[in-house]
C-alpha atoms as a PDB file:
ATOM      1  CA  UNK A   1     -81.845-129.225  12.375  1.00  0.00           C
ATOM      2  CA  UNK A   2     -85.240-127.653  11.839  1.00  0.00           C
ATOM      3  CA  UNK A   3     -83.974-125.174   9.237  1.00  0.00           C
ATOM      4  CA  UNK A   4     -83.847-128.012   6.698  1.00  0.00           C
ATOM      5  CA  UNK A   5     -87.611-128.378   6.833  1.00  0.00           C
ATOM      6  CA  UNK A   6     -89.241-125.013   6.240  1.00  0.00           C
ATOM      7  CA  UNK A   7     -92.251-126.041   4.175  1.00  0.00           C
ATOM      8  CA  UNK A   8     -94.589-127.256   6.895  1.00  0.00           C
ATOM      9  CA  UNK A   9     -97.207-125.465   8.937  1.00  0.00           C
ATOM     10  CA  UNK A  10     -95.909-123.236  11.702  1.00  0.00           C
ATOM     11  CA  UNK A  11     -96.267-123.851  15.402  1.00  0.00           C
ATOM     12  CA  UNK A  12     -98.754-121.788  17.413  1.00  0.00           C
ATOM     13  CA  UNK A  13     -96.919-118.970  19.161  1.00  0.00           C
ATOM     14  CA  UNK A  14     -96.234-119.370  22.872  1.00  0.00           C
ATOM     15  CA  UNK A  15     -97.680-116.616  25.050  1.00  0.00           C
ATOM     16  CA  UNK A  16     -96.273-115.828  28.447  1.00  0.00           C
ATOM     17  CA  UNK A  17     -94.350-113.317  30.587  1.00  0.00           C
ATOM     18  CA  UNK A  18     -91.031-111.814  29.531  1.00  0.00           C
ATOM     19  CA  UNK A  19     -87.999-113.596  31.011  1.00  0.00           C
ATOM     20  CA  UNK A  20     -84.227-113.618  30.563  1.00  0.00           C
ATOM     21  CA  UNK A  21     -84.716-115.927  27.533  1.00  0.00           C
ATOM     22  CA  UNK A  22     -88.155-114.850  26.214  1.00  0.00           C
ATOM     23  CA  UNK A  23     -88.845-111.332  24.946  1.00  0.00           C
ATOM     24  CA  UNK A  24     -92.627-111.671  24.859  1.00  0.00           C
ATOM     25  CA  UNK A  25     -92.656-112.984  21.295  1.00  0.00           C
ATOM     26  CA  UNK A  26     -89.622-115.204  20.793  1.00  0.00           C
ATOM     27  CA  UNK A  27     -87.233-117.297  22.834  1.00  0.00           C
ATOM     28  CA  UNK A  28     -83.492-116.658  22.618  1.00  0.00           C
ATOM     29  CA  UNK A  29     -80.171-117.939  23.940  1.00  0.00           C
ATOM     30  CA  UNK A  30     -78.790-115.499  26.535  1.00  0.00           C
ATOM     31  CA  UNK A  31     -75.417-114.141  25.486  1.00  0.00           C
ATOM     32  CA  UNK A  32     -75.455-115.724  22.015  1.00  0.00           C
ATOM     33  CA  UNK A  33     -75.821-113.524  18.902  1.00  0.00           C
ATOM     34  CA  UNK A  34     -78.688-114.532  16.617  1.00  0.00           C
ATOM     35  CA  UNK A  35     -77.621-116.493  13.568  1.00  0.00           C
ATOM     36  CA  UNK A  36     -78.514-115.037  10.185  1.00  0.00           C
ATOM     37  CA  UNK A  37     -79.890-116.632   7.029  1.00  0.00           C
ATOM     38  CA  UNK A  38     -76.683-115.640   5.242  1.00  0.00           C
ATOM     39  CA  UNK A  39     -74.704-118.238   7.166  1.00  0.00           C
ATOM     40  CA  UNK A  40     -77.257-120.926   6.356  1.00  0.00           C
ATOM     41  CA  UNK A  41     -77.135-120.157   2.648  1.00  0.00           C
ATOM     42  CA  UNK A  42     -73.329-120.095   2.663  1.00  0.00           C
ATOM     43  CA  UNK A  43     -73.305-123.565   4.202  1.00  0.00           C
ATOM     44  CA  UNK A  44     -76.003-125.041   1.954  1.00  0.00           C
ATOM     45  CA  UNK A  45     -74.239-123.861  -1.209  1.00  0.00           C
ATOM     46  CA  UNK A  46     -70.815-125.067  -0.051  1.00  0.00           C
ATOM     47  CA  UNK A  47     -71.524-128.428   1.569  1.00  0.00           C
ATOM     48  CA  UNK A  48     -68.682-130.919   1.890  1.00  0.00           C
ATOM     49  CA  UNK A  49     -70.264-134.075   3.266  1.00  0.00           C
ATOM     50  CA  UNK A  50     -68.118-136.804   4.736  1.00  0.00           C
ATOM     51  CA  UNK A  51     -68.803-140.431   3.689  1.00  0.00           C
ATOM     52  CA  UNK A  52     -71.901-141.975   5.183  1.00  0.00           C
ATOM     53  CA  UNK A  53     -72.738-145.455   3.849  1.00  0.00           C
ATOM     54  CA  UNK A  54     -76.220-146.808   4.418  1.00  0.00           C
ATOM     55  CA  UNK A  55     -76.504-149.728   6.847  1.00  0.00           C
ATOM     56  CA  UNK A  56     -79.846-151.390   6.058  1.00  0.00           C
ATOM     57  CA  UNK A  57     -78.789-154.689   7.647  1.00  0.00           C
ATOM     58  CA  UNK A  58     -77.412-153.183  10.853  1.00  0.00           C
ATOM     59  CA  UNK A  59     -77.917-154.932  14.192  1.00  0.00           C
ATOM     60  CA  UNK A  60     -81.356-154.700  15.825  1.00  0.00           C
ATOM     61  CA  UNK A  61     -81.573-155.615  19.495  1.00  0.00           C
ATOM     62  CA  UNK A  62     -83.731-158.206  21.230  1.00  0.00           C
ATOM     63  CA  UNK A  63     -86.970-157.378  23.019  1.00  0.00           C
ATOM     64  CA  UNK A  64     -86.084-155.377  26.163  1.00  0.00           C
ATOM     65  CA  UNK A  65     -87.042-156.462  29.659  1.00  0.00           C
ATOM     66  CA  UNK A  66     -90.576-155.477  30.610  1.00  0.00           C
ATOM     67  CA  UNK A  67     -89.415-153.595  33.714  1.00  0.00           C
ATOM     68  CA  UNK A  68     -86.142-152.997  35.590  1.00  0.00           C
ATOM     69  CA  UNK A  69     -86.896-152.718  39.283  1.00  0.00           C
ATOM     70  CA  UNK A  70     -84.647-151.247  41.946  1.00  0.00           C
ATOM     71  CA  UNK A  71     -81.926-148.654  41.540  1.00  0.00           C
ATOM     72  CA  UNK A  72     -80.039-150.126  38.576  1.00  0.00           C
ATOM     73  CA  UNK A  73     -80.493-148.321  35.264  1.00  0.00           C
ATOM     74  CA  UNK A  74     -80.578-150.013  31.857  1.00  0.00           C
ATOM     75  CA  UNK A  75     -79.979-147.735  28.895  1.00  0.00           C
ATOM     76  CA  UNK A  76     -80.596-148.826  25.303  1.00  0.00           C
ATOM     77  CA  UNK A  77     -79.631-146.651  22.340  1.00  0.00           C
ATOM     78  CA  UNK A  78     -82.336-146.775  19.663  1.00  0.00           C
ATOM     79  CA  UNK A  79     -81.025-144.148  17.245  1.00  0.00           C
ATOM     80  CA  UNK A  80     -80.024-140.473  17.028  1.00  0.00           C
ATOM     81  CA  UNK A  81     -81.310-138.993  20.334  1.00  0.00           C
ATOM     82  CA  UNK A  82     -83.769-141.799  21.096  1.00  0.00           C
ATOM     83  CA  UNK A  83     -82.978-143.857  24.183  1.00  0.00           C
ATOM     84  CA  UNK A  84     -84.969-146.288  26.271  1.00  0.00           C
ATOM     85  CA  UNK A  85     -84.226-145.616  29.937  1.00  0.00           C
ATOM     86  CA  UNK A  86     -85.366-148.327  32.359  1.00  0.00           C
ATOM     87  CA  UNK A  87     -85.030-147.853  36.102  1.00  0.00           C
ATOM     88  CA  UNK A  88     -87.160-147.970  39.273  1.00  0.00           C
ATOM     89  CA  UNK A  89     -89.830-149.914  37.398  1.00  0.00           C
ATOM     90  CA  UNK A  90     -90.255-147.070  34.863  1.00  0.00           C
ATOM     91  CA  UNK A  91     -89.795-147.109  31.090  1.00  0.00           C
ATOM     92  CA  UNK A  92     -88.843-143.711  29.668  1.00  0.00           C
ATOM     93  CA  UNK A  93     -88.174-142.682  26.061  1.00  0.00           C
ATOM     94  CA  UNK A  94     -86.235-139.620  24.949  1.00  0.00           C
ATOM     95  CA  UNK A  95     -87.013-137.800  21.667  1.00  0.00           C
ATOM     96  CA  UNK A  96     -88.478-140.922  20.000  1.00  0.00           C
ATOM     97  CA  UNK A  97     -88.063-141.441  16.241  1.00  0.00           C
ATOM     98  CA  UNK A  98     -88.954-144.636  14.376  1.00  0.00           C
ATOM     99  CA  UNK A  99     -89.935-143.110  10.995  1.00  0.00           C
ATOM    100  CA  UNK A 100     -87.971-143.751   7.801  1.00  0.00           C
ATOM    101  CA  UNK A 101     -87.616-140.006   7.244  1.00  0.00           C
ATOM    102  CA  UNK A 102     -87.711-137.015   9.562  1.00  0.00           C
ATOM    103  CA  UNK A 103     -89.483-134.042   8.031  1.00  0.00           C
ATOM    104  CA  UNK A 104     -92.864-132.433   7.428  1.00  0.00           C
ATOM    105  CA  UNK A 105     -94.118-135.361   5.305  1.00  0.00           C
ATOM    106  CA  UNK A 106     -93.324-139.053   4.826  1.00  0.00           C
ATOM    107  CA  UNK A 107     -91.471-138.241   1.580  1.00  0.00           C
ATOM    108  CA  UNK A 108     -89.813-134.893   2.382  1.00  0.00           C
ATOM    109  CA  UNK A 109     -86.982-134.812   4.862  1.00  0.00           C
ATOM    110  CA  UNK A 110     -83.794-136.580   5.884  1.00  0.00           C
ATOM    111  CA  UNK A 111     -83.756-140.336   5.307  1.00  0.00           C
ATOM    112  CA  UNK A 112     -82.441-142.640   8.000  1.00  0.00           C
ATOM    113  CA  UNK A 113     -79.265-144.543   7.135  1.00  0.00           C
ATOM    114  CA  UNK A 114     -79.810-147.487   9.473  1.00  0.00           C
ATOM    115  CA  UNK A 115     -82.800-149.151  11.155  1.00  0.00           C
ATOM    116  CA  UNK A 116     -83.784-148.337  14.740  1.00  0.00           C
ATOM    117  CA  UNK A 117     -81.913-150.401  17.313  1.00  0.00           C
ATOM    118  CA  UNK A 118     -85.170-151.681  18.801  1.00  0.00           C
ATOM    119  CA  UNK A 119     -88.332-152.760  17.003  1.00  0.00           C
ATOM    120  CA  UNK A 120     -91.255-150.500  17.856  1.00  0.00           C
ATOM    121  CA  UNK A 121     -93.646-153.409  18.410  1.00  0.00           C
ATOM    122  CA  UNK A 122     -91.209-154.975  20.911  1.00  0.00           C
ATOM    123  CA  UNK A 123     -91.010-151.936  23.208  1.00  0.00           C
ATOM    124  CA  UNK A 124     -91.989-152.516  26.827  1.00  0.00           C
ATOM    125  CA  UNK A 125     -94.900-150.466  28.223  1.00  0.00           C
ATOM    126  CA  UNK A 126     -93.770-146.840  27.909  1.00  0.00           C
ATOM    127  CA  UNK A 127     -94.656-144.630  30.875  1.00  0.00           C
ATOM    128  CA  UNK A 128     -93.035-141.268  30.098  1.00  0.00           C
ATOM    129  CA  UNK A 129     -91.717-139.587  26.943  1.00  0.00           C
ATOM    130  CA  UNK A 130     -89.315-136.630  27.211  1.00  0.00           C
ATOM    131  CA  UNK A 131     -89.365-134.186  24.283  1.00  0.00           C
ATOM    132  CA  UNK A 132     -86.510-131.673  24.173  1.00  0.00           C
ATOM    133  CA  UNK A 133     -87.754-129.397  21.354  1.00  0.00           C
ATOM    134  CA  UNK A 134     -89.862-129.366  18.210  1.00  0.00           C
ATOM    135  CA  UNK A 135     -87.332-130.178  15.463  1.00  0.00           C
ATOM    136  CA  UNK A 136     -88.371-133.091  13.287  1.00  0.00           C
ATOM    137  CA  UNK A 137     -85.376-135.251  14.181  1.00  0.00           C
ATOM    138  CA  UNK A 138     -86.364-135.019  17.864  1.00  0.00           C
ATOM    139  CA  UNK A 139     -90.136-134.765  17.701  1.00  0.00           C
ATOM    140  CA  UNK A 140     -91.474-137.117  15.041  1.00  0.00           C
ATOM    141  CA  UNK A 141     -95.260-136.856  15.019  1.00  0.00           C
ATOM    142  CA  UNK A 142     -95.943-140.244  13.323  1.00  0.00           C
ATOM    143  CA  UNK A 143     -93.925-141.936  16.068  1.00  0.00           C
ATOM    144  CA  UNK A 144     -95.720-139.903  18.749  1.00  0.00           C
ATOM    145  CA  UNK A 145     -99.070-140.993  17.332  1.00  0.00           C
ATOM    146  CA  UNK A 146     -98.005-144.656  17.345  1.00  0.00           C
ATOM    147  CA  UNK A 147     -96.871-144.329  20.965  1.00  0.00           C
ATOM    148  CA  UNK A 148    -100.209-142.803  21.980  1.00  0.00           C
ATOM    149  CA  UNK A 149    -102.114-145.690  20.404  1.00  0.00           C
ATOM    150  CA  UNK A 150     -99.836-148.438  21.700  1.00  0.00           C
ATOM    151  CA  UNK A 151     -98.850-147.140  25.160  1.00  0.00           C
ATOM    152  CA  UNK A 152    -100.655-143.877  26.008  1.00  0.00           C
ATOM    153  CA  UNK A 153     -97.572-142.518  27.819  1.00  0.00           C
ATOM    154  CA  UNK A 154     -97.245-139.154  29.547  1.00  0.00           C
ATOM    155  CA  UNK A 155     -95.446-136.554  27.391  1.00  0.00           C
ATOM    156  CA  UNK A 156     -93.188-133.901  28.936  1.00  0.00           C
ATOM    157  CA  UNK A 157     -92.371-130.818  26.846  1.00  0.00           C
ATOM    158  CA  UNK A 158     -90.793-127.387  27.147  1.00  0.00           C
ATOM    159  CA  UNK A 159     -92.885-124.221  26.740  1.00  0.00           C
ATOM    160  CA  UNK A 160     -95.053-124.113  23.630  1.00  0.00           C
ATOM    161  CA  UNK A 161     -94.396-127.677  22.455  1.00  0.00           C
ATOM    162  CA  UNK A 162     -97.246-129.647  24.033  1.00  0.00           C
ATOM    163  CA  UNK A 163     -99.585-128.816  21.130  1.00  0.00           C
ATOM    164  CA  UNK A 164     -97.836-131.496  19.050  1.00  0.00           C
ATOM    165  CA  UNK A 165     -98.544-134.549  21.253  1.00  0.00           C
ATOM    166  CA  UNK A 166    -101.962-133.046  22.021  1.00  0.00           C
ATOM    167  CA  UNK A 167    -102.687-132.964  18.265  1.00  0.00           C
ATOM    168  CA  UNK A 168    -102.618-136.777  18.246  1.00  0.00           C
ATOM    169  CA  UNK A 169    -104.465-137.154  21.586  1.00  0.00           C
ATOM    170  CA  UNK A 170    -101.356-137.521  23.706  1.00  0.00           C
ATOM    171  CA  UNK A 171    -101.468-136.977  27.473  1.00  0.00           C
ATOM    172  CA  UNK A 172     -99.234-134.072  28.524  1.00  0.00           C
ATOM    173  CA  UNK A 173     -97.938-132.529  31.731  1.00  0.00           C
ATOM    174  CA  UNK A 174     -97.769-128.796  32.259  1.00  0.00           C
ATOM    175  CA  UNK A 175     -95.202-127.263  29.925  1.00  0.00           C
ATOM    176  CA  UNK A 176     -91.811-126.603  31.497  1.00  0.00           C
ATOM    177  CA  UNK A 177     -89.536-123.591  31.440  1.00  0.00           C
ATOM    178  CA  UNK A 178     -85.815-123.777  32.141  1.00  0.00           C
ATOM    179  CA  UNK A 179     -85.197-124.541  35.822  1.00  0.00           C
ATOM    180  CA  UNK A 180     -88.759-125.765  36.426  1.00  0.00           C
ATOM    181  CA  UNK A 181     -89.121-128.978  38.390  1.00  0.00           C
ATOM    182  CA  UNK A 182     -91.889-131.538  37.977  1.00  0.00           C
ATOM    183  CA  UNK A 183     -92.765-134.522  40.122  1.00  0.00           C
ATOM    184  CA  UNK A 184     -94.148-137.251  37.842  1.00  0.00           C
ATOM    185  CA  UNK A 185     -94.728-139.781  40.641  1.00  0.00           C
ATOM    186  CA  UNK A 186     -92.946-141.117  43.711  1.00  0.00           C
ATOM    187  CA  UNK A 187     -90.304-142.727  41.459  1.00  0.00           C
ATOM    188  CA  UNK A 188     -89.459-139.866  39.073  1.00  0.00           C
ATOM    189  CA  UNK A 189     -88.927-136.127  39.288  1.00  0.00           C
ATOM    190  CA  UNK A 190     -87.603-133.917  36.477  1.00  0.00           C
ATOM    191  CA  UNK A 191     -85.736-130.651  36.193  1.00  0.00           C
ATOM    192  CA  UNK A 192     -86.018-128.797  32.881  1.00  0.00           C
ATOM    193  CA  UNK A 193     -82.543-127.508  31.999  1.00  0.00           C
ATOM    194  CA  UNK A 194     -81.174-124.759  29.788  1.00  0.00           C
ATOM    195  CA  UNK A 195     -79.874-125.628  26.327  1.00  0.00           C
ATOM    196  CA  UNK A 196     -78.268-123.505  23.607  1.00  0.00           C
ATOM    197  CA  UNK A 197     -80.249-124.240  20.479  1.00  0.00           C
ATOM    198  CA  UNK A 198     -83.297-123.010  18.495  1.00  0.00           C
ATOM    199  CA  UNK A 199     -86.733-124.143  17.332  1.00  0.00           C
ATOM    200  CA  UNK A 200     -88.962-124.178  14.264  1.00  0.00           C
ATOM    201  CA  UNK A 201     -91.118-126.504  12.194  1.00  0.00           C
ATOM    202  CA  UNK A 202     -92.087-124.025   9.445  1.00  0.00           C
ATOM    203  CA  UNK A 203     -91.103-120.816   7.722  1.00  0.00           C
ATOM    204  CA  UNK A 204     -92.610-118.398  10.223  1.00  0.00           C
ATOM    205  CA  UNK A 205     -92.315-119.979  13.672  1.00  0.00           C
ATOM    206  CA  UNK A 206     -88.595-119.768  14.442  1.00  0.00           C
ATOM    207  CA  UNK A 207     -87.871-119.437  18.176  1.00  0.00           C
ATOM    208  CA  UNK A 208     -91.579-119.385  19.090  1.00  0.00           C
ATOM    209  CA  UNK A 209     -91.297-122.509  21.270  1.00  0.00           C
ATOM    210  CA  UNK A 210     -88.610-123.421  23.793  1.00  0.00           C
ATOM    211  CA  UNK A 211     -85.792-125.991  23.659  1.00  0.00           C
ATOM    212  CA  UNK A 212     -84.335-127.761  26.704  1.00  0.00           C
ATOM    213  CA  UNK A 213     -82.676-130.746  28.334  1.00  0.00           C
ATOM    214  CA  UNK A 214     -83.723-132.698  31.425  1.00  0.00           C
ATOM    215  CA  UNK A 215     -82.319-133.922  34.712  1.00  0.00           C
ATOM    216  CA  UNK A 216     -84.017-137.172  35.727  1.00  0.00           C
ATOM    217  CA  UNK A 217     -84.127-137.752  39.475  1.00  0.00           C
ATOM    218  CA  UNK A 218     -84.660-141.430  40.361  1.00  0.00           C
ATOM    219  CA  UNK A 219     -83.448-143.973  42.910  1.00  0.00           C
ATOM    220  CA  UNK A 220     -80.515-144.642  40.543  1.00  0.00           C
ATOM    221  CA  UNK A 221     -79.364-141.061  41.050  1.00  0.00           C
ATOM    222  CA  UNK A 222     -79.339-138.142  38.610  1.00  0.00           C
ATOM    223  CA  UNK A 223     -79.353-138.754  34.852  1.00  0.00           C
ATOM    224  CA  UNK A 224     -78.885-135.866  32.424  1.00  0.00           C
ATOM    225  CA  UNK A 225     -80.372-135.899  28.921  1.00  0.00           C
ATOM    226  CA  UNK A 226     -78.975-132.935  27.001  1.00  0.00           C
ATOM    227  CA  UNK A 227     -81.243-132.886  23.937  1.00  0.00           C
ATOM    228  CA  UNK A 228     -79.595-130.531  21.402  1.00  0.00           C
ATOM    229  CA  UNK A 229     -77.167-127.823  22.484  1.00  0.00           C
ATOM    230  CA  UNK A 230     -74.103-125.857  21.597  1.00  0.00           C
ATOM    231  CA  UNK A 231     -71.387-125.545  24.234  1.00  0.00           C
ATOM    232  CA  UNK A 232     -71.843-122.797  26.807  1.00  0.00           C
ATOM    233  CA  UNK A 233     -71.655-121.843  30.487  1.00  0.00           C
ATOM    234  CA  UNK A 234     -75.034-123.475  31.126  1.00  0.00           C
ATOM    235  CA  UNK A 235     -73.383-126.872  31.592  1.00  0.00           C
ATOM    236  CA  UNK A 236     -71.730-125.688  34.805  1.00  0.00           C
ATOM    237  CA  UNK A 237     -75.089-124.368  35.974  1.00  0.00           C
ATOM    238  CA  UNK A 238     -76.713-127.744  35.260  1.00  0.00           C
ATOM    239  CA  UNK A 239     -73.974-129.473  37.259  1.00  0.00           C
ATOM    240  CA  UNK A 240     -74.809-127.232  40.216  1.00  0.00           C
ATOM    241  CA  UNK A 241     -78.539-127.884  39.800  1.00  0.00           C
ATOM    242  CA  UNK A 242     -77.835-131.595  40.031  1.00  0.00           C
ATOM    243  CA  UNK A 243     -75.489-131.286  43.009  1.00  0.00           C
ATOM    244  CA  UNK A 244     -78.140-129.444  45.028  1.00  0.00           C
ATOM    245  CA  UNK A 245     -80.966-131.815  44.058  1.00  0.00           C
ATOM    246  CA  UNK A 246     -82.296-134.624  46.230  1.00  0.00           C
ATOM    247  CA  UNK A 247     -80.572-137.241  44.038  1.00  0.00           C
ATOM    248  CA  UNK A 248     -77.183-135.535  43.956  1.00  0.00           C
ATOM    249  CA  UNK A 249     -74.540-134.957  41.252  1.00  0.00           C
ATOM    250  CA  UNK A 250     -74.943-136.225  37.693  1.00  0.00           C
ATOM    251  CA  UNK A 251     -74.189-139.936  37.538  1.00  0.00           C
ATOM    252  CA  UNK A 252     -75.004-140.511  33.876  1.00  0.00           C
ATOM    253  CA  UNK A 253     -74.875-137.830  31.139  1.00  0.00           C
ATOM    254  CA  UNK A 254     -76.265-138.294  27.626  1.00  0.00           C
ATOM    255  CA  UNK A 255     -74.366-135.757  25.521  1.00  0.00           C
ATOM    256  CA  UNK A 256     -74.587-135.011  21.768  1.00  0.00           C
ATOM    257  CA  UNK A 257     -71.536-135.645  19.596  1.00  0.00           C
ATOM    258  CA  UNK A 258     -72.804-135.402  15.976  1.00  0.00           C
ATOM    259  CA  UNK A 259     -74.003-132.899  13.336  1.00  0.00           C
ATOM    260  CA  UNK A 260     -71.161-130.500  14.142  1.00  0.00           C
ATOM    261  CA  UNK A 261     -69.487-129.809  10.790  1.00  0.00           C
ATOM    262  CA  UNK A 262     -68.835-127.193   9.523  1.00  0.00           C
ATOM    263  CA  UNK A 263     -68.038-125.935  12.985  1.00  0.00           C
ATOM    264  CA  UNK A 264     -68.064-122.258  11.951  1.00  0.00           C
ATOM    265  CA  UNK A 265     -71.797-122.656  11.368  1.00  0.00           C
ATOM    266  CA  UNK A 266     -72.866-125.476  13.707  1.00  0.00           C
ATOM    267  CA  UNK A 267     -70.945-124.649  16.903  1.00  0.00           C
ATOM    268  CA  UNK A 268     -73.525-122.262  18.415  1.00  0.00           C
ATOM    269  CA  UNK A 269     -76.256-124.931  18.383  1.00  0.00           C
ATOM    270  CA  UNK A 270     -74.497-128.333  18.161  1.00  0.00           C
ATOM    271  CA  UNK A 271     -71.540-129.307  20.326  1.00  0.00           C
ATOM    272  CA  UNK A 272     -68.648-130.976  18.559  1.00  0.00           C
ATOM    273  CA  UNK A 273     -67.059-134.023  20.208  1.00  0.00           C
ATOM    274  CA  UNK A 274     -64.446-131.655  21.653  1.00  0.00           C
ATOM    275  CA  UNK A 275     -67.254-129.461  22.989  1.00  0.00           C
ATOM    276  CA  UNK A 276     -68.961-132.520  24.437  1.00  0.00           C
ATOM    277  CA  UNK A 277     -65.760-133.360  26.318  1.00  0.00           C
ATOM    278  CA  UNK A 278     -65.726-129.807  27.726  1.00  0.00           C
ATOM    279  CA  UNK A 279     -69.340-130.332  28.824  1.00  0.00           C
ATOM    280  CA  UNK A 280     -68.280-133.642  30.403  1.00  0.00           C
ATOM    281  CA  UNK A 281     -65.616-131.818  32.409  1.00  0.00           C
ATOM    282  CA  UNK A 282     -68.157-129.189  33.520  1.00  0.00           C
ATOM    283  CA  UNK A 283     -70.756-131.789  34.525  1.00  0.00           C
ATOM    284  CA  UNK A 284     -68.290-134.267  36.052  1.00  0.00           C
ATOM    285  CA  UNK A 285     -70.550-137.317  35.694  1.00  0.00           C
ATOM    286  CA  UNK A 286     -69.538-140.839  36.643  1.00  0.00           C
ATOM    287  CA  UNK A 287     -70.318-141.905  33.071  1.00  0.00           C
ATOM    288  CA  UNK A 288     -71.173-140.175  29.769  1.00  0.00           C
ATOM    289  CA  UNK A 289     -72.789-141.668  26.665  1.00  0.00           C
ATOM    290  CA  UNK A 290     -72.827-140.072  23.207  1.00  0.00           C
ATOM    291  CA  UNK A 291     -76.092-139.184  21.464  1.00  0.00           C
ATOM    292  CA  UNK A 292     -77.223-137.416  18.261  1.00  0.00           C
ATOM    293  CA  UNK A 293     -75.145-139.364  15.740  1.00  0.00           C
ATOM    294  CA  UNK A 294     -75.211-142.370  13.437  1.00  0.00           C
ATOM    295  CA  UNK A 295     -78.726-142.258  11.960  1.00  0.00           C
ATOM    296  CA  UNK A 296     -79.395-139.083   9.948  1.00  0.00           C
ATOM    297  CA  UNK A 297     -76.741-137.226   7.963  1.00  0.00           C
ATOM    298  CA  UNK A 298     -77.605-133.638   8.830  1.00  0.00           C
ATOM    299  CA  UNK A 299     -74.257-131.924   9.272  1.00  0.00           C
ATOM    300  CA  UNK A 300     -71.261-132.513   7.010  1.00  0.00           C
ATOM    301  CA  UNK A 301     -69.498-134.886   9.415  1.00  0.00           C
ATOM    302  CA  UNK A 302     -69.207-138.425   8.079  1.00  0.00           C
ATOM    303  CA  UNK A 303     -70.572-141.513   9.775  1.00  0.00           C
ATOM    304  CA  UNK A 304     -67.421-142.343  11.727  1.00  0.00           C
ATOM    305  CA  UNK A 305     -66.154-138.828  12.484  1.00  0.00           C
ATOM    306  CA  UNK A 306     -68.071-138.252  15.758  1.00  0.00           C
ATOM    307  CA  UNK A 307     -66.603-141.385  17.368  1.00  0.00           C
ATOM    308  CA  UNK A 308     -63.112-140.734  15.971  1.00  0.00           C
ATOM    309  CA  UNK A 309     -63.115-137.082  17.053  1.00  0.00           C
ATOM    310  CA  UNK A 310     -64.475-137.998  20.498  1.00  0.00           C
ATOM    311  CA  UNK A 311     -61.574-140.398  21.057  1.00  0.00           C
ATOM    312  CA  UNK A 312     -59.110-137.671  20.030  1.00  0.00           C
ATOM    313  CA  UNK A 313     -60.737-135.108  22.326  1.00  0.00           C
ATOM    314  CA  UNK A 314     -60.719-137.514  25.268  1.00  0.00           C
ATOM    315  CA  UNK A 315     -57.049-138.223  24.633  1.00  0.00           C
ATOM    316  CA  UNK A 316     -56.227-134.528  24.552  1.00  0.00           C
ATOM    317  CA  UNK A 317     -58.108-134.005  27.829  1.00  0.00           C
ATOM    318  CA  UNK A 318     -56.448-137.115  29.348  1.00  0.00           C
ATOM    319  CA  UNK A 319     -59.827-138.717  30.073  1.00  0.00           C
ATOM    320  CA  UNK A 320     -60.180-142.484  29.792  1.00  0.00           C
ATOM    321  CA  UNK A 321     -62.215-143.558  26.760  1.00  0.00           C
ATOM    322  CA  UNK A 322     -64.471-145.765  28.877  1.00  0.00           C
ATOM    323  CA  UNK A 323     -65.683-142.690  30.800  1.00  0.00           C
ATOM    324  CA  UNK A 324     -67.422-141.334  27.679  1.00  0.00           C
ATOM    325  CA  UNK A 325     -68.590-144.124  25.429  1.00  0.00           C
ATOM    326  CA  UNK A 326     -70.128-144.220  21.977  1.00  0.00           C
ATOM    327  CA  UNK A 327     -73.101-146.579  22.344  1.00  0.00           C
ATOM    328  CA  UNK A 328     -74.131-149.251  19.871  1.00  0.00           C
ATOM    329  CA  UNK A 329     -77.751-149.414  18.786  1.00  0.00           C
ATOM    330  CA  UNK A 330     -79.927-152.087  20.360  1.00  0.00           C
ATOM    331  CA  UNK A 331     -77.443-153.240  23.010  1.00  0.00           C
ATOM    332  CA  UNK A 332     -78.578-152.601  26.615  1.00  0.00           C
ATOM    333  CA  UNK A 333     -76.044-150.981  28.919  1.00  0.00           C
ATOM    334  CA  UNK A 334     -76.409-151.642  32.649  1.00  0.00           C
ATOM    335  CA  UNK A 335     -75.410-149.017  35.204  1.00  0.00           C
ATOM    336  CA  UNK A 336     -75.466-149.850  38.913  1.00  0.00           C
END
């Protein structure tokens, strides 16, 4: 939700060849009309927020295992889009956020409504951090800086985004474009996947860096981390990318379910729970887990609406509720 934070310095502009989603100056979503500022203003002046009580005493999980060896995968929901993924002896974080607010400063931005599900100082050694795009609720620079000092992990970013971890002395891989593959080591390979979203951290840098998701190829199989995305035909393409990969079809899909109201404004860039169920059908994973909910009130959906609407959408699609679960912060989930 980078449009909420338009007072900070802009990102440096990415420079590269023209592609089907980069016109030489800005990135874009193929086949999706550009949203205008008029829609944003209409929403901001007519907000109808659902109830969202603060949960300062919410459950915080125990210290995770140091490593999970073999081909089991342990997934722990921290908050929002932050997960600890442990498999094949690797510890991987997605879009890590531990700050009290997400925004351009420690006092300006969206305040968290509940504590992170894991304590930062109890994290196991972090090897790899996946960053999906540059919005503050997914790329929190104070957290990145703490990770660099405590763990010195390897950061993976889409095109134009690596300057942020670099700015706090983070180690980075080459930047990835959609459909690029990257071998991290003998235990982990990644495919950068298309997403339908946008980017900015300031007033003048909209769409100047890329947004993405990731396929993680490990001995467990293929795990898909969506990042942020509206619903579109790219989910079927991602399913095919997984099927033809060395680790096969998607086993585990982490799909967003929150920040979707009002749908007339949010739908192009944030899937609703019903849209997430459509993505589930397209991807056909063994298991799906909801992300992007429960921590920051960004859209107008209330705290409990994503879970309630997901159950309704699964019922309509005649999909068992245990195939697409809403995780609880701090509680490890084991997948064989």
